[in-house]
Protein backbone atom coordinates (compact mmCIF):
# COMPACT_ATOMS: atom_id res chain seq x y z
CA ASP A 1 32.85 33.15 -9.98
CA ALA A 2 32.57 29.37 -10.63
CA ASP A 3 30.95 28.53 -7.27
CA GLU A 4 28.24 31.15 -7.84
CA LYS A 5 27.47 29.79 -11.35
CA ARG A 6 27.32 26.22 -10.02
CA SER A 7 24.96 27.30 -7.22
CA THR A 8 22.71 29.10 -9.73
CA LEU A 9 22.66 26.03 -11.99
CA GLU A 10 21.84 23.76 -9.03
CA ASP A 11 18.98 26.07 -8.02
CA LYS A 12 17.58 26.07 -11.56
CA HIS A 13 17.91 22.29 -11.74
CA ALA A 14 16.10 21.88 -8.40
CA GLU A 15 13.28 24.17 -9.60
CA LEU A 16 12.94 22.13 -12.80
CA ILE A 17 12.80 18.81 -10.90
CA TYR A 18 10.28 20.26 -8.43
CA GLY A 19 8.11 21.50 -11.32
CA ILE A 20 8.11 18.07 -12.95
CA ALA A 21 7.29 16.34 -9.64
CA GLU A 22 4.42 18.79 -8.95
CA LYS A 23 2.89 17.86 -12.31
CA TYR A 24 2.51 14.24 -11.17
CA LYS A 25 1.33 14.97 -7.63
CA ASN A 26 -1.84 12.97 -6.78
CA CYS A 27 -1.45 10.89 -9.94
CA TYR A 28 -0.93 7.18 -10.42
CA ILE A 29 2.30 6.22 -12.11
CA LYS A 30 2.59 2.83 -13.77
CA ILE A 31 5.88 1.04 -13.09
CA ASN A 32 6.89 -2.29 -14.57
CA ARG A 33 7.34 -4.96 -11.91
CA GLU A 34 11.00 -5.49 -12.85
CA ASP A 35 11.65 -1.76 -12.27
CA ALA A 36 9.91 -1.63 -8.89
CA VAL A 37 11.85 -1.08 -5.68
CA GLU A 38 12.61 -4.09 -3.52
CA LEU A 39 10.35 -4.11 -0.48
CA GLU A 40 11.30 -4.88 3.10
CA GLU A 41 10.08 -8.13 4.63
CA ASP A 42 6.34 -8.06 5.46
CA SER A 43 5.81 -5.10 3.10
CA TYR A 44 3.63 -5.44 0.04
CA PHE A 45 2.54 -3.50 -3.01
CA ILE A 46 -1.08 -2.39 -2.72
CA VAL A 47 -1.82 -3.91 -6.12
CA ASP A 48 -0.81 -7.32 -4.71
CA ILE A 49 -3.06 -6.99 -1.64
CA ILE A 50 -6.21 -5.92 -3.52
CA GLY A 51 -8.24 -8.94 -4.59
CA SER A 52 -6.83 -11.18 -1.87
CA GLU A 53 -9.25 -13.49 -0.07
CA VAL A 54 -9.37 -12.88 3.68
CA PHE A 55 -9.80 -15.74 6.16
CA THR A 56 -9.90 -15.85 9.94
CA GLU A 57 -7.43 -18.06 11.81
CA GLU A 58 -10.32 -20.51 12.17
CA GLY A 59 -10.69 -20.71 8.37
CA GLU A 60 -13.85 -18.58 8.01
CA ASP A 61 -13.96 -16.80 4.63
CA LEU A 62 -14.59 -13.11 5.33
CA GLY A 63 -14.41 -11.80 1.77
CA LYS A 64 -11.97 -9.93 -0.47
CA VAL A 65 -9.74 -6.90 -0.06
CA VAL A 66 -11.21 -4.19 -2.29
CA ASP A 67 -9.10 -1.21 -1.21
CA VAL A 68 -6.12 -0.24 0.92
CA LEU A 69 -6.33 3.02 2.83
CA GLN A 70 -3.04 4.69 3.71
CA THR A 71 -3.51 6.42 7.04
CA GLY A 72 0.07 7.34 7.89
CA SER A 73 0.57 5.15 10.94
CA ASN A 74 -0.55 1.92 9.26
CA ASP A 75 -2.53 0.83 6.23
CA VAL A 76 -6.14 -0.26 6.58
CA TYR A 77 -7.53 -3.03 4.37
CA THR A 78 -11.12 -2.61 3.21
CA VAL A 79 -12.69 -6.06 2.95
CA LYS A 80 -15.98 -6.62 1.16
CA THR A 81 -17.72 -9.50 2.93
CA LEU A 82 -19.67 -12.25 1.23
CA ASP A 83 -22.92 -10.51 2.21
CA GLY A 84 -21.77 -7.18 0.74
CA LYS A 85 -20.76 -5.36 3.91
CA GLU A 86 -17.39 -3.69 4.39
CA ILE A 87 -14.93 -4.40 7.19
CA LEU A 88 -11.93 -2.18 7.90
CA LEU A 89 -8.91 -4.16 9.06
CA PRO A 90 -5.83 -2.35 10.37
CA ALA A 91 -2.71 -3.79 8.76
CA ILE A 92 -0.96 -4.39 12.06
CA GLU A 93 0.83 -7.43 13.46
CA ASP A 94 -1.96 -8.18 15.95
CA VAL A 95 -4.51 -8.50 13.12
CA ILE A 96 -2.70 -9.58 9.95
CA LYS A 97 -1.21 -12.99 10.69
CA ASN A 98 -0.20 -14.20 7.24
CA VAL A 99 -0.07 -12.71 3.75
CA ASP A 100 0.35 -15.13 0.85
CA ILE A 101 0.75 -12.95 -2.24
CA GLU A 102 1.17 -15.88 -4.66
CA ASN A 103 -2.17 -17.42 -3.63
CA LYS A 104 -3.88 -14.05 -2.92
CA LYS A 105 -4.75 -15.18 0.62
CA ILE A 106 -4.60 -13.25 3.90
CA VAL A 107 -5.17 -14.81 7.32
CA ILE A 108 -6.26 -12.51 10.12
CA HIS A 109 -6.85 -12.62 13.84
CA LEU A 110 -10.37 -11.29 14.28
CA MET A 111 -10.01 -9.01 17.28
CA GLU A 112 -13.12 -8.11 19.23
CA GLY A 113 -14.84 -5.05 17.77
CA LEU A 114 -13.51 -5.38 14.22
CA ILE A 115 -16.85 -6.61 12.85
């Protein structure tokens, strides 16, 4: 019957797609910028955040973002300070006040206990 054949084909197709996806699990995939998805407002590609200079609202240079940890609830920016220490900054509205991707600059509100 035609419905049964279609269902079997769909199952085989799904298995094939799943197999291909499994092959790339935990891998980095390079995508050209023009092929990238459009992000929502106040969302950024990790590659654009890494290397950004981080400043407090008062203008103090804290260092550079060296990594972005994806925790599930919110990202956490790892900032290497000028004296070589690392600060973990939650990427939440209360902390991240401005992200300027073009100039690789992030302004933060330094909440008590972050350093």
